[in-house]
């Protein structure tokens, strides 16, 4: 029966094999086995550190993909929350920028709902017009509402605000 040093050497070889294959969770498990046998054991070639980094990167990628799916589905609040968590951890691509876009779109959609409820068709039209400048395609789902707003504006055009220059003209004379 091999001694503890030989068993640790076998485990280190297994650790390297898992690392070479990119099986990072297995690397961590074998590393724990090694530490169980020798608490003072080092991190051979930094493989345990690399495993932690690789698993963290994979977790970020998975969570980023989930945020993108929420965004693509138009679930702006969910996308905002997921991008926010990623941005708070730092170093995750464009999470902070995407979070800001989701927040802006959610705000515009809330305002749009309020304007439509108040039947303020000019603001409905203007808000729908603003959506694509924040994210291309974001106004697509509001095509019917945009048509309604344009129709209501055509039938009942808003009053133009008049500027009264009477006092200014009198003061110049």
Foldseek 3Di string as FASTA:
>chain_A
DDDLVVVLVVLVVVLVVCLVVVVLVVNCVSVVVSCVSPVPDDCVVCSNVVSVVVVVVVVLVVLLVVLVVCVVVVVLVSNLVSLVVSVVVDDRPCSVVSNVLSVVLVVLVVVLVVCVVVVVLVSNLVSLVCNVVSPNPSSVVCPVVNVVSVVVCVVPPDDDDDDDCPVVVVVVD
